[in-house]
């Protein structure tokens, strides 16, 4: 996010490289290169008619080339103030040239940023223009205007595209293909400034939004793909890799409120942290869970999985895994060790696991994960490659701690896993269900609230759920584990929208499975039309809505 005092305080700049001030329209203007380890020098200004040309010195260009090479992108940011506007249709054009000797003809075919001056009156504004990766560092830049314009300041920054109204002066930033400042955010040329695909060596950019109002829903469309974002006081980050068409024009369907700030910028390079010599990802992408469900697999950084961290709840990791088989390699032994009745606390061999079902989605808290890996260490138990990778990922992210002697203890956080093999509607339910588990693991107040509702629910309604957990082979929960029962009680009540709760449990009670193995308990649910579940779910929904702006069936702030 660009700071409110972008033009006055260097400490808020996006990696400031140069600072120069010059005043309009007559004589030479000073251009001071202010970079540590470089000698300050002057910009050579050359004027011709309505166009002013500014050439970089050799030292300045060398500094820019070093910056561009080390950071991978750059932009020139200039603050303008209209002094005298000649007519209502006058425009300002701003661009780069690459050959000073032929600049007059060259600029006719080069992309430019164009803005109409009338809308500003005498107020200042900022235009930023990204360098093109294809063309590299220009020889200089030019400014064209029939009206008198004062140029207050200019900086070289990291590349960014979009707008920012969070400060006193509006900022409009453009991709290397330029464009007209007409009130839209055009990302179509941003692939000329940023990586356009996630690979082991490259990262697509991130889009950051900030809202003037902290309530209601913001609707955005990227190339026809509509996002519904619940506004909050905190900025929202959307990795471009999550979108079908990130490099497109952003539109606002139904005349939704224009965001206070919408900026595309380079992603954190630490996301390219892998296990040494392999393509296994260690660093998670911080993201809203609503973007995980339809995240394009061709945008994964790894092969078998992508790794995310919940942006609102630090320490909760999401694994999205290619297949159930790969997910089993990661988590099936853990499932039996942590939750399965008759197996808890044991490390089953591969032979013992053969033919046994874990879960289609998983969730584990830090201390259970630490117990699993510590027991494997103490027993010199041979774990598979994916379990060893999981241990490395957990240690890297602080969910477990491994001492110099190898002892494993709990850190903080939790792990959630879903699979690409699950159908779309199941992935939605699984992310909600497992997401609630993640919050339960890390938040004591939530656990206490769940407990108060658990102890006051109609006993016969609860008896059906406990019986269902016990007799369903794919679950086989240990119903004597009080922590587990409260956790699953909560997640089953909050995994679907409140409007579906009663009917879901009535349908469940009518199934052959329930009628054969839990008939007495199931018939009570049918007789009461699931009212006990609905009442408890209503209380939970009111709590999570008031505290986190979440709801039953929804742990995300972004929908599409």
Protein backbone atom coordinates (compact mmCIF):
# COMPACT_ATOMS: atom_id res chain seq x y z
CA UNK A 1 0.00 0.00 0.00
CA UNK A 2 1.33 3.48 -0.87
CA UNK A 3 1.63 5.65 2.23
CA UNK A 4 -0.51 8.70 2.85
CA UNK A 5 2.64 10.79 2.97
CA UNK A 6 4.10 9.13 -0.11
CA UNK A 7 5.70 12.27 -1.41
CA UNK A 8 7.10 13.71 1.81
CA UNK A 9 8.47 10.84 3.90
CA UNK A 10 11.02 8.48 2.41
CA UNK A 11 10.42 5.82 5.06
CA UNK A 12 6.98 5.15 3.56
CA UNK A 13 8.19 4.76 -0.02
CA UNK A 14 7.95 1.40 -1.73
CA UNK A 15 11.77 1.07 -1.99
CA UNK A 16 12.69 4.60 -2.98
CA UNK A 17 15.65 4.82 -5.32
CA UNK A 18 15.89 8.46 -6.40
CA UNK A 19 14.53 11.81 -5.32
CA UNK A 20 14.66 14.84 -7.52
CA UNK A 21 12.81 18.16 -7.66
CA UNK A 22 12.50 20.51 -10.55
CA UNK A 23 10.32 23.47 -11.38
CA UNK A 24 8.55 24.00 -14.63
CA UNK A 25 8.97 25.40 -17.97
CA UNK A 26 12.15 27.45 -18.20
CA UNK A 27 15.84 26.77 -17.77
CA UNK A 28 17.59 23.66 -16.50
CA UNK A 29 15.99 21.77 -13.64
CA UNK A 30 18.09 19.97 -11.01
CA UNK A 31 17.78 16.20 -10.83
CA UNK A 32 19.55 14.84 -7.77
CA UNK A 33 20.25 11.13 -7.56
CA UNK A 34 20.02 10.25 -3.89
CA UNK A 35 21.19 6.65 -3.53
CA UNK A 36 23.56 5.33 -0.89
CA UNK A 37 26.92 4.41 -2.38
CA UNK A 38 26.31 6.58 -5.46
CA UNK A 39 27.50 10.10 -6.20
CA UNK A 40 24.80 12.74 -6.73
CA UNK A 41 24.64 14.15 -10.22
CA UNK A 42 22.51 16.37 -12.44
CA UNK A 43 19.84 15.46 -14.93
CA UNK A 44 20.35 16.93 -18.38
CA UNK A 45 17.10 18.64 -19.42
CA UNK A 46 16.38 19.42 -23.07
CA UNK A 47 13.24 21.29 -24.17
CA UNK A 48 11.54 21.57 -27.53
CA UNK A 49 8.15 23.24 -27.93
CA UNK A 50 5.37 21.58 -25.91
CA UNK A 51 7.53 18.58 -25.05
CA UNK A 52 10.15 18.55 -22.31
CA UNK A 53 12.79 15.80 -22.39
CA UNK A 54 14.80 14.62 -19.40
CA UNK A 55 17.80 12.36 -20.03
CA UNK A 56 19.35 10.16 -17.36
CA UNK A 57 23.07 10.56 -16.86
CA UNK A 58 25.29 7.51 -17.20
CA UNK A 59 25.57 7.20 -13.42
CA UNK A 60 21.83 7.52 -12.94
CA UNK A 61 21.07 4.98 -15.60
CA UNK A 62 23.57 2.58 -14.08
CA UNK A 63 21.89 2.96 -10.71
CA UNK A 64 18.48 2.32 -12.23
CA UNK A 65 19.75 -0.74 -14.07
CA UNK A 66 21.15 -2.18 -10.84
CA UNK A 67 17.88 -1.53 -9.03
CA UNK A 68 15.81 -2.98 -11.86
CA UNK A 69 17.98 -6.08 -12.05
CA UNK A 70 17.95 -6.71 -8.30
CA UNK A 71 14.25 -6.01 -7.74
CA UNK A 72 12.85 -7.20 -11.07
CA UNK A 73 10.65 -4.14 -11.64
CA UNK A 74 10.57 -0.36 -11.31
CA UNK A 75 8.35 2.66 -11.93
CA UNK A 76 8.81 6.40 -12.28
CA UNK A 77 6.43 8.32 -10.01
CA UNK A 78 5.89 12.05 -10.59
CA UNK A 79 3.81 14.58 -8.66
CA UNK A 80 2.23 17.33 -10.80
CA UNK A 81 0.38 20.55 -10.00
CA UNK A 82 -1.49 22.43 -12.76
CA UNK A 83 -0.51 26.12 -12.78
CA UNK A 84 -2.59 27.47 -15.65
CA UNK A 85 -4.93 25.35 -17.76
CA UNK A 86 -5.38 26.72 -21.28
CA UNK A 87 -8.60 24.95 -22.22
CA UNK A 88 -11.04 22.36 -20.93
CA UNK A 89 -9.73 19.62 -23.23
CA UNK A 90 -6.04 20.02 -22.48
CA UNK A 91 -4.20 16.85 -21.55
CA UNK A 92 -0.89 15.88 -20.01
CA UNK A 93 1.12 13.08 -21.59
CA UNK A 94 3.98 11.34 -19.81
CA UNK A 95 6.25 8.62 -21.18
CA UNK A 96 9.73 7.20 -21.71
CA UNK A 97 12.10 7.43 -24.67
CA UNK A 98 14.89 4.98 -25.50
CA UNK A 99 16.94 6.85 -28.13
CA UNK A 100 17.61 10.53 -27.50
CA UNK A 101 18.82 11.19 -31.03
CA UNK A 102 15.51 10.08 -32.54
CA UNK A 103 13.27 10.97 -29.61
CA UNK A 104 11.03 13.36 -31.57
CA UNK A 105 9.88 10.63 -33.95
CA UNK A 106 10.21 7.79 -31.44
CA UNK A 107 7.72 9.19 -28.95
CA UNK A 108 4.98 9.19 -31.61
CA UNK A 109 4.85 5.40 -31.40
CA UNK A 110 5.67 4.84 -27.73
CA UNK A 111 3.06 4.14 -25.02
CA UNK A 112 2.21 7.11 -22.83
CA UNK A 113 0.15 7.90 -19.76
CA UNK A 114 -2.44 10.56 -20.57
CA UNK A 115 -4.57 12.56 -18.14
CA UNK A 116 -7.07 15.38 -18.55
CA UNK A 117 -6.10 18.39 -16.46
CA UNK A 118 -9.49 20.08 -16.07
CA UNK A 119 -10.67 17.68 -13.35
CA UNK A 120 -7.81 18.70 -11.04
CA UNK A 121 -8.14 22.45 -11.24
CA UNK A 122 -5.10 23.67 -9.30
CA UNK A 123 -4.86 20.54 -7.11
CA UNK A 124 -1.85 18.25 -7.19
CA UNK A 125 -1.96 14.65 -8.41
CA UNK A 126 0.51 11.83 -9.01
CA UNK A 127 1.08 9.65 -12.06
CA UNK A 128 3.32 6.57 -12.00
CA UNK A 129 4.54 4.67 -15.07
CA UNK A 130 6.07 1.19 -14.84
CA UNK A 131 9.19 0.22 -16.76
CA UNK A 132 8.79 -2.59 -19.26
CA UNK A 133 10.73 -5.78 -18.64
CA UNK A 134 11.06 -6.23 -22.39
CA UNK A 135 12.55 -2.81 -23.05
CA UNK A 136 14.53 -2.33 -19.87
CA UNK A 137 15.76 1.05 -18.66
CA UNK A 138 14.91 4.05 -20.89
CA UNK A 139 17.28 6.87 -21.79
CA UNK A 140 14.92 9.29 -20.09
CA UNK A 141 11.34 10.51 -19.99
CA UNK A 142 9.26 13.26 -21.55
CA UNK A 143 6.28 15.38 -20.53
CA UNK A 144 3.92 16.99 -23.00
CA UNK A 145 1.27 19.60 -22.20
CA UNK A 146 0.00 22.87 -23.69
CA UNK A 147 -0.88 24.09 -20.19
CA UNK A 148 1.63 25.18 -17.62
CA UNK A 149 2.38 22.34 -15.19
CA UNK A 150 4.58 22.39 -12.13
CA UNK A 151 6.47 19.17 -11.43
CA UNK A 152 6.84 19.01 -7.67
CA UNK A 153 8.73 15.77 -7.14
CA UNK A 154 9.59 12.44 -8.67
CA UNK A 155 10.82 9.11 -7.43
CA UNK A 156 11.86 5.73 -8.73
CA UNK A 157 9.88 3.08 -6.83
CA UNK A 158 8.97 -0.58 -7.12
CA UNK A 159 6.40 -1.11 -9.85
CA UNK A 160 2.71 -0.79 -9.00
CA UNK A 161 -0.47 -0.39 -11.05
CA UNK A 162 -3.84 0.97 -9.94
CA UNK A 163 -5.02 3.89 -7.82
CA UNK A 164 -4.66 5.12 -4.26
CA UNK A 165 -6.89 7.76 -2.66
CA UNK A 166 -5.86 7.05 0.93
CA UNK A 167 -3.56 10.10 1.11
CA UNK A 168 -4.10 13.80 0.56
CA UNK A 169 -3.13 13.56 -3.11
CA UNK A 170 -4.61 11.00 -5.55
CA UNK A 171 -2.21 8.48 -7.10
CA UNK A 172 -2.76 6.79 -10.47
CA UNK A 173 -0.28 4.13 -11.61
CA UNK A 174 -0.01 2.56 -15.06
CA UNK A 175 1.41 -0.57 -16.61
CA UNK A 176 4.16 -0.28 -19.28
CA UNK A 177 1.55 -0.11 -22.05
CA UNK A 178 0.35 3.25 -20.67
CA UNK A 179 -3.23 4.40 -20.95
CA UNK A 180 -5.76 7.14 -20.34
CA UNK A 181 -6.62 8.03 -16.76
CA UNK A 182 -10.40 7.67 -17.14
CA UNK A 183 -11.33 6.30 -13.73
CA UNK A 184 -10.68 2.61 -14.44
CA UNK A 185 -7.91 0.32 -13.25
CA UNK A 186 -6.40 -1.33 -16.32
CA UNK A 187 -4.14 -4.29 -15.57
CA UNK A 188 -4.00 -5.59 -19.15
CA UNK A 189 -0.39 -4.53 -19.60
CA UNK A 190 0.78 -5.44 -16.10
CA UNK A 191 2.30 -8.69 -17.35
CA UNK A 192 4.94 -6.47 -18.99
CA UNK A 193 6.03 -5.38 -15.51
CA UNK A 194 5.38 -8.50 -13.41
CA UNK A 195 5.62 -12.27 -13.70
CA UNK A 196 2.56 -13.75 -15.41
CA UNK A 197 2.83 -17.28 -13.99
CA UNK A 198 3.83 -18.93 -10.73
CA UNK A 199 6.82 -21.21 -11.10
CA UNK A 200 9.81 -22.22 -8.99
CA UNK A 201 11.57 -19.03 -10.13
CA UNK A 202 8.70 -16.56 -10.58
CA UNK A 203 5.71 -15.16 -8.72
CA UNK A 204 2.62 -13.44 -10.02
CA UNK A 205 1.85 -10.09 -8.34
CA UNK A 206 -0.59 -9.38 -5.51
CA UNK A 207 -3.58 -7.03 -5.61
CA UNK A 208 -4.21 -5.02 -2.43
CA UNK A 209 -7.51 -3.26 -1.70
CA UNK A 210 -8.39 -0.72 0.93
CA UNK A 211 -11.93 0.50 1.58
CA UNK A 212 -13.26 3.85 2.68
CA UNK A 213 -16.21 2.18 4.41
CA UNK A 214 -15.63 -0.81 6.70
CA UNK A 215 -19.06 -2.38 6.21
CA UNK A 216 -21.08 -3.86 3.38
CA UNK A 217 -19.88 -5.77 0.34
CA UNK A 218 -17.60 -4.63 -2.47
CA UNK A 219 -18.18 -6.15 -5.89
CA UNK A 220 -15.26 -6.31 -8.34
CA UNK A 221 -14.90 -7.99 -11.72
CA UNK A 222 -11.61 -9.08 -13.22
CA UNK A 223 -12.19 -9.92 -16.86
CA UNK A 224 -15.74 -11.05 -16.12
CA UNK A 225 -14.92 -13.01 -12.96
CA UNK A 226 -16.88 -11.32 -10.16
CA UNK A 227 -15.60 -11.21 -6.58
CA UNK A 228 -17.76 -10.28 -3.59
CA UNK A 229 -15.58 -8.86 -0.82
CA UNK A 230 -16.87 -8.07 2.64
CA UNK A 231 -15.31 -4.77 3.56
CA UNK A 232 -13.30 -4.33 6.72
CA UNK A 233 -10.90 -1.80 8.19
CA UNK A 234 -7.89 -3.86 7.16
CA UNK A 235 -6.56 -4.03 3.58
CA UNK A 236 -7.47 -7.15 1.62
CA UNK A 237 -4.82 -8.97 -0.43
CA UNK A 238 -5.74 -11.01 -3.50
CA UNK A 239 -2.89 -12.94 -5.13
CA UNK A 240 -3.19 -12.60 -8.90
CA UNK A 241 -2.58 -16.36 -9.13
CA UNK A 242 -6.02 -16.93 -7.57
CA UNK A 243 -7.83 -15.25 -10.47
CA UNK A 244 -8.76 -16.56 -13.91
CA UNK A 245 -7.92 -13.27 -15.67
CA UNK A 246 -5.93 -11.00 -13.36
CA UNK A 247 -4.36 -9.04 -16.21
CA UNK A 248 -7.58 -7.37 -17.33
CA UNK A 249 -9.63 -4.23 -16.77
CA UNK A 250 -11.20 -4.05 -13.31
CA UNK A 251 -14.88 -3.12 -13.41
CA UNK A 252 -17.46 -2.44 -10.73
CA UNK A 253 -20.78 -4.15 -11.53
CA UNK A 254 -23.99 -2.45 -10.44
CA UNK A 255 -22.06 0.77 -9.82
CA UNK A 256 -20.50 -0.55 -6.64
CA UNK A 257 -18.42 1.81 -4.53
CA UNK A 258 -14.99 2.56 -5.96
CA UNK A 259 -12.35 1.20 -3.51
CA UNK A 260 -10.23 3.77 -1.75
CA UNK A 261 -7.16 1.95 -3.00
CA UNK A 262 -6.62 -0.84 -5.53
CA UNK A 263 -2.99 -1.62 -6.31
CA UNK A 264 -1.21 -4.46 -8.09
CA UNK A 265 2.33 -4.93 -6.77
CA UNK A 266 5.06 -7.56 -6.76
CA UNK A 267 4.55 -10.47 -4.35
CA UNK A 268 6.80 -11.22 -1.40
CA UNK A 269 9.87 -13.01 -2.82
CA UNK A 270 10.05 -15.24 0.28
CA UNK A 271 7.15 -17.20 -1.26
CA UNK A 272 9.77 -18.80 -3.49
CA UNK A 273 11.16 -20.73 -0.51
CA UNK A 274 11.46 -24.43 -1.27
CA UNK A 275 12.90 -27.53 0.30
CA UNK A 276 16.54 -27.63 -0.79
CA UNK A 277 16.90 -29.22 -4.21
CA UNK A 278 13.20 -29.96 -4.55
CA UNK A 279 10.00 -28.24 -5.66
CA UNK A 280 8.33 -28.70 -2.29
CA UNK A 281 6.93 -25.42 -0.98
CA UNK A 282 7.72 -24.29 2.57
CA UNK A 283 6.34 -20.74 2.69
CA UNK A 284 2.54 -20.34 2.62
CA UNK A 285 0.63 -17.75 0.61
CA UNK A 286 -1.46 -15.62 2.97
CA UNK A 287 -4.97 -15.62 1.60
CA UNK A 288 -8.68 -15.56 2.40
CA UNK A 289 -10.08 -19.14 2.34
CA UNK A 290 -12.71 -18.09 -0.19
CA UNK A 291 -9.99 -17.90 -2.84
CA UNK A 292 -8.64 -21.39 -2.14
CA UNK A 293 -11.71 -23.27 -3.37
CA UNK A 294 -11.27 -22.30 -7.03
CA UNK A 295 -7.55 -21.53 -7.02
CA UNK A 296 -6.26 -22.67 -10.46
CA UNK A 297 -4.02 -25.68 -10.08
CA UNK A 298 -1.81 -24.45 -12.93
CA UNK A 299 -0.88 -21.56 -10.60
CA UNK A 300 0.49 -23.86 -7.90
CA UNK A 301 4.13 -23.38 -7.01
CA UNK A 302 4.64 -27.09 -6.35
CA UNK A 303 3.55 -30.35 -7.88
CA UNK A 304 1.47 -32.31 -5.34
CA UNK A 305 0.14 -29.47 -3.21
CA UNK A 306 -0.16 -25.75 -2.66
CA UNK A 307 0.35 -24.23 0.77
CA UNK A 308 -1.66 -21.31 2.18
CA UNK A 309 -1.98 -19.44 5.46
CA UNK A 310 -5.23 -17.91 6.65
CA UNK A 311 -4.78 -14.16 6.35
CA UNK A 312 -7.02 -13.36 9.34
CA UNK A 313 -5.76 -16.12 11.64
CA UNK A 314 -1.96 -16.37 11.50
CA UNK A 315 -0.57 -19.84 12.03
CA UNK A 316 -3.47 -21.75 10.47
CA UNK A 317 -2.07 -23.48 7.37
CA UNK A 318 -4.21 -24.81 4.52
CA UNK A 319 -2.93 -27.64 2.33
CA UNK A 320 -4.69 -28.07 -1.00
CA UNK A 321 -3.53 -31.48 -2.22
CA UNK A 322 -3.76 -33.02 -5.67
CA UNK A 323 -5.40 -36.36 -4.81
CA UNK A 324 -6.80 -38.33 -1.89
CA UNK A 325 -3.88 -40.75 -2.22
CA UNK A 326 -1.28 -38.00 -1.76
CA UNK A 327 -3.33 -36.53 1.08
CA UNK A 328 -3.35 -39.96 2.74
CA UNK A 329 0.44 -40.04 2.55
CA UNK A 330 0.55 -36.75 4.43
CA UNK A 331 -2.19 -37.27 7.02
CA UNK A 332 -3.76 -40.77 7.24
CA UNK A 333 -1.39 -42.09 9.92
CA UNK A 334 -1.97 -38.86 11.86
CA UNK A 335 -5.75 -39.33 11.67
CA UNK A 336 -5.58 -42.71 13.40
CA UNK A 337 -3.01 -41.49 15.91
CA UNK A 338 -5.07 -38.43 16.93
CA UNK A 339 -8.76 -39.30 16.56
CA UNK A 340 -9.73 -42.85 15.57
CA UNK A 341 -11.28 -44.96 18.35
CA UNK A 342 -9.16 -48.01 19.12
CA UNK A 343 -6.04 -46.57 17.49
CA UNK A 344 -5.39 -43.27 19.30
CA UNK A 345 -1.81 -42.79 20.42
CA UNK A 346 -0.48 -45.59 18.20
CA UNK A 347 1.71 -45.26 15.12
CA UNK A 348 0.24 -47.72 12.63
CA UNK A 349 2.60 -49.36 10.17
CA UNK A 350 1.99 -49.10 6.44
CA UNK A 351 0.74 -52.68 6.52
CA UNK A 352 -1.75 -51.85 9.29
CA UNK A 353 -2.95 -48.78 7.42
CA UNK A 354 -3.55 -50.68 4.19
CA UNK A 355 -7.22 -50.56 3.24
CA UNK A 356 -8.15 -48.20 6.08
CA UNK A 357 -9.81 -44.85 5.42
CA UNK A 358 -8.57 -41.70 7.05
CA UNK A 359 -10.64 -38.64 6.13
CA UNK A 360 -11.39 -36.72 2.94
CA UNK A 361 -10.29 -33.54 4.76
CA UNK A 362 -8.12 -33.08 7.83
CA UNK A 363 -7.42 -30.75 10.75
CA UNK A 364 -4.80 -30.98 13.52
CA UNK A 365 -3.60 -28.69 16.28
CA UNK A 366 0.00 -27.98 17.15
CA UNK A 367 0.33 -30.17 20.23
CA UNK A 368 -1.16 -33.26 18.51
CA UNK A 369 1.23 -32.79 15.60
CA UNK A 370 4.16 -32.47 18.00
CA UNK A 371 3.11 -35.62 19.89
CA UNK A 372 2.94 -37.57 16.63
CA UNK A 373 6.41 -36.61 15.46
CA UNK A 374 7.97 -36.92 18.91
CA UNK A 375 6.59 -40.43 19.32
CA UNK A 376 8.00 -41.35 15.89
CA UNK A 377 11.40 -40.02 17.03
CA UNK A 378 11.36 -41.87 20.32
CA UNK A 379 10.31 -45.15 18.70
CA UNK A 380 12.62 -44.68 15.73
CA UNK A 381 9.49 -45.17 13.62
CA UNK A 382 9.99 -44.93 9.87
CA UNK A 383 7.78 -42.19 8.44
CA UNK A 384 7.09 -41.83 4.73
CA UNK A 385 8.48 -39.04 2.54
CA UNK A 386 5.34 -36.89 2.76
CA UNK A 387 5.25 -37.12 6.55
CA UNK A 388 8.88 -36.04 6.71
CA UNK A 389 8.05 -33.15 4.38
CA UNK A 390 5.10 -32.23 6.61
CA UNK A 391 7.41 -32.15 9.62
CA UNK A 392 9.75 -29.79 7.77
CA UNK A 393 6.89 -27.49 6.73
CA UNK A 394 5.49 -27.41 10.26
CA UNK A 395 8.88 -26.63 11.79
CA UNK A 396 9.60 -23.93 9.20
CA UNK A 397 6.29 -22.22 10.05
CA UNK A 398 6.58 -22.57 13.83
CA UNK A 399 3.71 -25.00 14.36
CA UNK A 400 6.14 -27.48 15.87
CA UNK A 401 9.62 -26.89 17.26
CA UNK A 402 12.57 -29.23 16.79
CA UNK A 403 15.47 -28.86 19.21
CA UNK A 404 19.11 -29.32 18.30
CA UNK A 405 18.84 -32.79 19.80
CA UNK A 406 15.81 -33.64 17.67
CA UNK A 407 13.12 -33.38 20.36
CA UNK A 408 9.78 -32.21 18.94
CA UNK A 409 7.53 -29.87 20.95
CA UNK A 410 4.44 -27.84 20.13
CA UNK A 411 4.67 -24.37 18.67
CA UNK A 412 1.44 -22.55 17.79
CA UNK A 413 -1.14 -22.85 15.06
CA UNK A 414 -2.91 -25.62 13.22
CA UNK A 415 -3.05 -27.49 9.91
CA UNK A 416 -6.03 -27.96 7.59
CA UNK A 417 -6.10 -30.09 4.45
CA UNK A 418 -8.48 -30.57 1.53
CA UNK A 419 -8.04 -32.32 -1.81
CA UNK A 420 -8.56 -31.35 -5.43
CA UNK A 421 -10.22 -34.72 -5.84
CA UNK A 422 -13.24 -33.58 -3.80
CA UNK A 423 -16.15 -32.20 -5.81
CA UNK A 424 -16.61 -28.43 -5.81
CA UNK A 425 -19.58 -28.42 -3.41
CA UNK A 426 -17.67 -30.67 -1.00
CA UNK A 427 -14.59 -28.44 -1.12
CA UNK A 428 -16.81 -25.54 -0.02
CA UNK A 429 -18.20 -27.57 2.89
CA UNK A 430 -14.80 -28.98 3.83
CA UNK A 431 -13.15 -25.54 3.93
CA UNK A 432 -15.95 -24.29 6.16
CA UNK A 433 -15.87 -27.36 8.42
CA UNK A 434 -12.08 -27.54 8.71
CA UNK A 435 -11.80 -23.77 8.96
CA UNK A 436 -13.95 -23.75 12.09
CA UNK A 437 -11.71 -26.44 13.54
CA UNK A 438 -8.70 -24.22 12.88
CA UNK A 439 -10.22 -21.32 14.80
CA UNK A 440 -11.29 -23.66 17.61
CA UNK A 441 -7.72 -24.87 18.00
CA UNK A 442 -6.23 -21.41 18.44
CA UNK A 443 -8.96 -19.40 20.23
CA UNK A 444 -9.83 -20.14 23.85
CA UNK A 445 -12.83 -17.80 24.00
CA UNK A 446 -14.39 -19.61 21.05
CA UNK A 447 -13.80 -22.97 22.74
CA UNK A 448 -15.50 -21.70 25.90
CA UNK A 449 -18.48 -20.44 23.92
CA UNK A 450 -18.81 -23.79 22.14
CA UNK A 451 -18.67 -25.59 25.48
CA UNK A 452 -21.48 -23.48 26.95
CA UNK A 453 -23.73 -24.33 24.01
CA UNK A 454 -22.67 -27.98 23.98
CA UNK A 455 -23.73 -28.40 27.62
CA UNK A 456 -27.13 -26.75 27.13
CA UNK A 457 -28.28 -28.39 23.89
CA UNK A 458 -31.17 -30.86 24.09
CA UNK A 459 -29.58 -34.09 25.35
CA UNK A 460 -31.44 -36.37 22.93
CA UNK A 461 -30.36 -34.23 19.98
CA UNK A 462 -26.74 -34.46 21.13
CA UNK A 463 -27.11 -38.20 21.69
CA UNK A 464 -27.90 -38.71 18.00
CA UNK A 465 -24.81 -36.79 16.90
CA UNK A 466 -22.55 -38.70 19.28
CA UNK A 467 -24.00 -41.99 18.14
CA UNK A 468 -23.55 -40.98 14.49
CA UNK A 469 -19.90 -40.13 15.15
CA UNK A 470 -19.40 -43.49 16.83
CA UNK A 471 -21.04 -45.87 14.31
CA UNK A 472 -20.04 -44.24 11.02
CA UNK A 473 -17.00 -46.23 9.81
CA UNK A 474 -15.53 -43.31 7.87
CA UNK A 475 -15.53 -41.27 11.11
CA UNK A 476 -15.04 -43.71 13.99
CA UNK A 477 -14.50 -40.84 16.44
CA UNK A 478 -13.57 -41.55 20.04
CA UNK A 479 -16.78 -40.28 21.69
CA UNK A 480 -15.08 -40.36 25.10
CA UNK A 481 -12.71 -37.60 23.99
CA UNK A 482 -14.51 -34.52 25.34
CA UNK A 483 -12.32 -32.02 23.43
CA UNK A 484 -12.93 -33.87 20.17
CA UNK A 485 -16.68 -34.11 20.70
CA UNK A 486 -17.10 -30.39 21.36
CA UNK A 487 -14.88 -29.57 18.38
CA UNK A 488 -16.82 -31.82 15.98
CA UNK A 489 -20.18 -30.74 17.41
CA UNK A 490 -19.29 -27.15 16.60
CA UNK A 491 -17.90 -27.85 13.13
CA UNK A 492 -20.88 -29.99 12.06
CA UNK A 493 -23.29 -27.26 13.13
CA UNK A 494 -21.34 -24.47 11.40
CA UNK A 495 -20.31 -26.27 8.19
CA UNK A 496 -23.50 -25.30 6.30
CA UNK A 497 -25.64 -22.15 6.16
CA UNK A 498 -28.09 -21.79 9.04
CA UNK A 499 -31.05 -22.12 6.67
CA UNK A 500 -29.95 -25.67 5.80
CA UNK A 501 -29.22 -26.94 9.32
CA UNK A 502 -32.53 -28.50 10.33
CA UNK A 503 -33.25 -30.14 6.98
CA UNK A 504 -29.69 -31.49 6.74
CA UNK A 505 -29.98 -33.36 10.04
CA UNK A 506 -33.48 -34.62 9.29
CA UNK A 507 -32.20 -36.01 5.99
CA UNK A 508 -29.24 -37.55 7.79
CA UNK A 509 -31.54 -39.19 10.32
CA UNK A 510 -33.68 -40.69 7.55
CA UNK A 511 -30.75 -42.35 5.80
CA UNK A 512 -30.50 -46.11 5.92
CA UNK A 513 -27.23 -45.87 7.79
CA UNK A 514 -28.83 -43.89 10.65
CA UNK A 515 -31.97 -46.03 10.70
CA UNK A 516 -29.97 -49.23 10.98
CA UNK A 517 -27.32 -48.19 13.50
CA UNK A 518 -28.91 -45.34 15.46
CA UNK A 519 -32.68 -45.72 14.96
CA UNK A 520 -33.93 -44.50 18.34
CA UNK A 521 -31.77 -41.41 18.29
CA UNK A 522 -32.48 -40.75 14.59
CA UNK A 523 -36.26 -41.00 14.98
CA UNK A 524 -36.13 -38.28 17.64
CA UNK A 525 -34.43 -35.93 15.17
CA UNK A 526 -37.15 -36.63 12.61
CA UNK A 527 -39.94 -36.10 15.19
CA UNK A 528 -38.49 -32.75 16.31
CA UNK A 529 -37.68 -31.65 12.73
CA UNK A 530 -34.07 -31.03 13.70
CA UNK A 531 -35.04 -28.11 15.94
CA UNK A 532 -32.39 -28.87 18.53
CA UNK A 533 -29.61 -28.59 15.97
CA UNK A 534 -31.10 -25.42 14.53
CA UNK A 535 -31.30 -23.74 17.94
CA UNK A 536 -27.69 -24.56 18.79
CA UNK A 537 -26.46 -23.52 15.34
CA UNK A 538 -28.31 -20.20 15.68
CA UNK A 539 -26.45 -19.41 18.90
CA UNK A 540 -23.09 -20.28 17.31
CA UNK A 541 -23.90 -18.27 14.19
CA UNK A 542 -24.76 -15.18 16.24
CA UNK A 543 -21.46 -15.45 18.08
CA UNK A 544 -19.17 -15.86 15.06
CA UNK A 545 -21.07 -13.17 13.14
CA UNK A 546 -20.68 -10.64 15.90
CA UNK A 547 -17.05 -11.43 16.57
CA UNK A 548 -15.55 -12.10 13.12
CA UNK A 549 -18.23 -11.19 10.55
CA UNK A 550 -18.38 -14.88 9.65
CA UNK A 551 -21.43 -17.14 9.49
CA UNK A 552 -22.49 -20.74 9.55
CA UNK A 553 -21.31 -22.19 6.25
CA UNK A 554 -18.87 -19.30 5.62
CA UNK A 555 -15.38 -18.80 7.03
CA UNK A 556 -14.32 -16.50 4.17
CA UNK A 557 -14.60 -12.80 3.41
CA UNK A 558 -14.28 -13.21 -0.37
CA UNK A 559 -16.80 -15.13 -2.48
CA UNK A 560 -17.00 -15.80 -6.20
